[in-house]
C-alpha atoms as a PDB file:
ATOM      1  CA  MET A   1      -0.214   0.433   0.373  1.00  0.00           C
ATOM      2  CA  SER A   2       1.554   3.385  -0.951  1.00  0.00           C
ATOM      3  CA  LYS A   3       0.123   6.266   1.952  1.00  0.00           C
ATOM      4  CA  VAL A   4       1.322  10.471   2.692  1.00  0.00           C
ATOM      5  CA  TYR A   5       5.372   9.319   4.710  1.00  0.00           C
ATOM      6  CA  SER A   6       5.395  13.838   5.503  1.00  0.00           C
ATOM      7  CA  ILE A   7       3.726  16.399   4.232  1.00  0.00           C
ATOM      8  CA  GLN A   8       5.656  19.940   4.204  1.00  0.00           C
ATOM      9  CA  ILE A   9       5.445  23.480   2.981  1.00  0.00           C
ATOM     10  CA  CYS A  10       7.862  26.458   2.331  1.00  0.00           C
ATOM     11  CA  LYS A  11       6.967  29.814   2.842  1.00  0.00           C
ATOM     12  CA  SER A  12       9.252  31.257   1.127  1.00  0.00           C
ATOM     13  CA  HIS A  13      12.249  30.367  -1.501  1.00  0.00           C
ATOM     14  CA  ARG A  14      15.509  29.843   0.372  1.00  0.00           C
ATOM     15  CA  ALA A  15      14.156  29.275   3.854  1.00  0.00           C
ATOM     16  CA  PRO A  16      13.532  26.026   5.479  1.00  0.00           C
ATOM     17  CA  MET A  17      10.885  23.164   5.084  1.00  0.00           C
ATOM     18  CA  GLN A  18       7.604  23.047   7.763  1.00  0.00           C
ATOM     19  CA  ILE A  19       6.540  19.652   7.984  1.00  0.00           C
ATOM     20  CA  VAL A  20       2.827  19.487   8.873  1.00  0.00           C
ATOM     21  CA  LYS A  21      -0.086  17.022   9.432  1.00  0.00           C
ATOM     22  CA  GLN A  22      -2.094  17.890   6.880  1.00  0.00           C
ATOM     23  CA  ALA A  23      -2.301  20.478   4.283  1.00  0.00           C
ATOM     24  CA  LYS A  24      -5.404  21.857   1.967  1.00  0.00           C
ATOM     25  CA  LEU A  25      -4.343  21.254  -1.548  1.00  0.00           C
ATOM     26  CA  ILE A  26      -5.628  24.020  -3.796  1.00  0.00           C
ATOM     27  CA  SER A  27      -7.375  23.327  -7.502  1.00  0.00           C
ATOM     28  CA  ASN A  28      -4.910  24.750 -10.265  1.00  0.00           C
ATOM     29  CA  LEU A  29      -2.876  26.550  -7.756  1.00  0.00           C
ATOM     30  CA  GLY A  30      -1.044  24.228  -6.195  1.00  0.00           C
ATOM     31  CA  ILE A  31      -0.333  24.089  -1.587  1.00  0.00           C
ATOM     32  CA  ASP A  32      -2.443  26.744   0.105  1.00  0.00           C
ATOM     33  CA  GLN A  33       0.440  28.612   1.749  1.00  0.00           C
ATOM     34  CA  ASP A  34       3.569  26.826  -0.035  1.00  0.00           C
ATOM     35  CA  ILE A  35       5.825  28.773  -1.996  1.00  0.00           C
ATOM     36  CA  HIS A  36       4.950  27.380  -4.836  1.00  0.00           C
ATOM     37  CA  SER A  37       1.482  27.428  -5.380  1.00  0.00           C
ATOM     38  CA  SER A  38       0.498  29.532  -7.600  1.00  0.00           C
ATOM     39  CA  ASN A  39      -2.466  32.526  -6.836  1.00  0.00           C
ATOM     40  CA  GLN A  40      -3.044  33.970 -10.417  1.00  0.00           C
ATOM     41  CA  GLY A  41      -4.521  30.347 -11.477  1.00  0.00           C
ATOM     42  CA  LYS A  42      -1.826  29.593 -14.107  1.00  0.00           C
ATOM     43  CA  LYS A  43      -1.389  26.249 -15.083  1.00  0.00           C
ATOM     44  CA  LYS A  44       3.034  25.328 -14.137  1.00  0.00           C
ATOM     45  CA  LYS A  45       4.869  22.688 -14.162  1.00  0.00           C
ATOM     46  CA  ARG A  46       5.849  22.345 -10.632  1.00  0.00           C
ATOM     47  CA  GLN A  47       3.227  22.883  -8.021  1.00  0.00           C
ATOM     48  CA  VAL A  48       3.779  19.848  -5.731  1.00  0.00           C
ATOM     49  CA  LEU A  49       6.901  18.559  -5.082  1.00  0.00           C
ATOM     50  CA  LEU A  50       6.748  14.193  -4.793  1.00  0.00           C
ATOM     51  CA  MET A  51       9.260  12.357  -3.447  1.00  0.00           C
ATOM     52  CA  ASP A  52       9.537   8.985  -2.021  1.00  0.00           C
ATOM     53  CA  ILE A  53      11.014   7.646   1.469  1.00  0.00           C
ATOM     54  CA  GLU A  54      12.792   4.990  -0.071  1.00  0.00           C
ATOM     55  CA  THR A  55      15.264   7.344  -2.511  1.00  0.00           C
ATOM     56  CA  LEU A  56      15.577   9.356   0.413  1.00  0.00           C
ATOM     57  CA  ASN A  57      16.429   6.464   2.876  1.00  0.00           C
ATOM     58  CA  SER A  58      19.051   5.412  -0.352  1.00  0.00           C
ATOM     59  CA  PHE A  59      20.788   9.059   0.087  1.00  0.00           C
ATOM     60  CA  ASP A  60      20.494   9.541   3.554  1.00  0.00           C
ATOM     61  CA  LEU A  61      18.653  12.390   3.414  1.00  0.00           C
ATOM     62  CA  PRO A  62      16.069  13.906   5.486  1.00  0.00           C
ATOM     63  CA  ILE A  63      12.526  14.590   4.708  1.00  0.00           C
ATOM     64  CA  GLY A  64      11.799  17.763   3.315  1.00  0.00           C
ATOM     65  CA  ILE A  65      16.441  18.152   2.533  1.00  0.00           C
ATOM     66  CA  ILE A  66      15.346  18.557  -1.356  1.00  0.00           C
ATOM     67  CA  LYS A  67      11.865  20.904  -0.804  1.00  0.00           C
ATOM     68  CA  GLU A  68       9.661  18.010  -1.506  1.00  0.00           C
ATOM     69  CA  ASN A  69       6.558  18.684  -0.090  1.00  0.00           C
ATOM     70  CA  ILE A  70       5.104  14.983  -0.498  1.00  0.00           C
ATOM     71  CA  THR A  71       7.134  12.241   0.940  1.00  0.00           C
ATOM     72  CA  THR A  72       5.745   8.990  -0.517  1.00  0.00           C
ATOM     73  CA  GLN A  73       6.547   5.248   1.185  1.00  0.00           C
ATOM     74  CA  GLY A  74       5.462   2.019  -1.009  1.00  0.00           C
ATOM     75  CA  LEU A  75       5.050   4.626  -4.366  1.00  0.00           C
ATOM     76  CA  ASN A  76       7.996   4.577  -6.309  1.00  0.00           C
ATOM     77  CA  ILE A  77       7.880   8.088  -7.605  1.00  0.00           C
ATOM     78  CA  ASN A  78      10.875   7.443 -10.705  1.00  0.00           C
ATOM     79  CA  GLU A  79       8.213   5.509 -12.353  1.00  0.00           C
ATOM     80  CA  LEU A  80       5.024   8.313 -12.695  1.00  0.00           C
ATOM     81  CA  LYS A  81       4.493   8.481 -16.148  1.00  0.00           C
ATOM     82  CA  LEU A  82       3.509  12.298 -17.618  1.00  0.00           C
ATOM     83  CA  ASN A  83       0.367  13.063 -17.012  1.00  0.00           C
ATOM     84  CA  GLN A  84      -0.911  10.207 -13.725  1.00  0.00           C
ATOM     85  CA  LYS A  85      -3.475  10.941 -12.375  1.00  0.00           C
ATOM     86  CA  ILE A  86      -2.614  10.820  -9.070  1.00  0.00           C
ATOM     87  CA  HIS A  87      -5.495  10.369  -5.867  1.00  0.00           C
ATOM     88  CA  ILE A  88      -4.229  10.899  -2.730  1.00  0.00           C
ATOM     89  CA  GLY A  89      -6.522  10.906   0.377  1.00  0.00           C
ATOM     90  CA  GLU A  90     -10.512  11.549  -0.010  1.00  0.00           C
ATOM     91  CA  SER A  91     -10.909  14.141  -3.602  1.00  0.00           C
ATOM     92  CA  VAL A  92      -6.921  14.939  -3.868  1.00  0.00           C
ATOM     93  CA  ILE A  93      -5.822  14.402  -7.556  1.00  0.00           C
ATOM     94  CA  LEU A  94      -2.478  15.891  -9.059  1.00  0.00           C
ATOM     95  CA  ASN A  95      -1.662  15.031 -12.888  1.00  0.00           C
ATOM     96  CA  VAL A  96       1.851  14.138 -13.066  1.00  0.00           C
ATOM     97  CA  THR A  97       3.917  16.979 -15.234  1.00  0.00           C
ATOM     98  CA  GLY A  98       7.390  15.457 -15.279  1.00  0.00           C
ATOM     99  CA  PRO A  99      10.654  14.656 -13.468  1.00  0.00           C
ATOM    100  CA  CYS A 100      12.704  17.188 -11.072  1.00  0.00           C
ATOM    101  CA  GLU A 101      14.953  18.163 -12.471  1.00  0.00           C
ATOM    102  CA  PRO A 102      18.293  18.514  -9.956  1.00  0.00           C
ATOM    103  CA  CYS A 103      19.666  21.764  -9.867  1.00  0.00           C
ATOM    104  CA  PRO A 104      22.543  23.173  -8.152  1.00  0.00           C
ATOM    105  CA  ARG A 105      21.415  23.813  -5.400  1.00  0.00           C
ATOM    106  CA  MET A 106      21.371  20.128  -4.526  1.00  0.00           C
ATOM    107  CA  ASP A 107      25.375  20.567  -3.764  1.00  0.00           C
ATOM    108  CA  GLU A 108      25.392  22.752  -1.150  1.00  0.00           C
ATOM    109  CA  ILE A 109      23.324  19.703   0.847  1.00  0.00           C
ATOM    110  CA  ARG A 110      26.518  17.540  -0.151  1.00  0.00           C
ATOM    111  CA  PRO A 111      28.655  18.374  -3.398  1.00  0.00           C
ATOM    112  CA  GLY A 112      27.560  15.747  -5.529  1.00  0.00           C
ATOM    113  CA  LEU A 113      24.376  15.392  -4.593  1.00  0.00           C
ATOM    114  CA  MET A 114      22.711  17.095  -8.100  1.00  0.00           C
ATOM    115  CA  ASN A 115      24.950  14.137 -10.213  1.00  0.00           C
ATOM    116  CA  ASP A 116      23.631  11.606  -8.068  1.00  0.00           C
ATOM    117  CA  LEU A 117      19.961  12.340  -7.984  1.00  0.00           C
ATOM    118  CA  ASP A 118      20.149  12.634 -11.669  1.00  0.00           C
ATOM    119  CA  GLY A 119      17.075  11.612 -12.249  1.00  0.00           C
ATOM    120  CA  GLN A 120      15.844  10.558  -8.942  1.00  0.00           C
ATOM    121  CA  ARG A 121      14.598  14.166  -7.428  1.00  0.00           C
ATOM    122  CA  GLY A 122      11.792  13.512  -7.656  1.00  0.00           C
ATOM    123  CA  ILE A 123       7.688  13.974  -9.824  1.00  0.00           C
ATOM    124  CA  LEU A 124       6.292  17.558 -10.200  1.00  0.00           C
ATOM    125  CA  THR A 125       2.362  17.352 -10.479  1.00  0.00           C
ATOM    126  CA  PHE A 126       0.116  20.338 -10.853  1.00  0.00           C
ATOM    127  CA  VAL A 127      -3.352  19.623  -8.370  1.00  0.00           C
ATOM    128  CA  VAL A 128      -6.024  18.422 -10.850  1.00  0.00           C
ATOM    129  CA  ASN A 129      -8.278  18.657  -8.111  1.00  0.00           C
ATOM    130  CA  GLY A 130      -8.220  19.642  -3.946  1.00  0.00           C
ATOM    131  CA  GLY A 131      -9.235  19.253  -0.432  1.00  0.00           C
ATOM    132  CA  ILE A 132      -6.961  17.687   2.801  1.00  0.00           C
ATOM    133  CA  ILE A 133      -4.628  16.019   2.822  1.00  0.00           C
ATOM    134  CA  LYS A 134      -3.273  14.388   6.080  1.00  0.00           C
ATOM    135  CA  THR A 135       0.057  11.657   6.799  1.00  0.00           C
ATOM    136  CA  GLY A 136      -1.448   8.499   6.381  1.00  0.00           C
ATOM    137  CA  ASP A 137      -3.682   9.021   3.488  1.00  0.00           C
ATOM    138  CA  LYS A 138      -3.491   6.404   0.823  1.00  0.00           C
ATOM    139  CA  ILE A 139      -1.875   6.991  -2.238  1.00  0.00           C
ATOM    140  CA  LYS A 140      -3.258   5.290  -5.555  1.00  0.00           C
ATOM    141  CA  ILE A 141      -2.614   5.786  -9.324  1.00  0.00           C
ATOM    142  CA  ILE A 142      -4.888   5.738 -11.266  1.00  0.00           C
END
């Protein structure tokens, strides 16, 4: 079973992620109060970044360090395909917009991490249907 392992929100650029027990996702915008939400309703490639705890553990990285919003368990994030839909909890549906390419900030965490994470930094998504998600919510691929 795939589930939400952890939820993180970033309120401003370069600020540390804040772990929360639940978050409100808004259709066409992103996560309420997160810096990556779009307040203009424009479809952005990145509204919500998903990463799996298994990959984080394999690189000995703590939750939220690579700026993911949702950390999953039991779901191989890096195998998700463009435009696949992800159902979380009661009502949230995310659409996969593509892989998250590692940026130079990864090397600030640990030298060489940008290259190490190539093809494994998680998946970017767009909020199709909003709602509240909570730690422990089930995740299904539609």
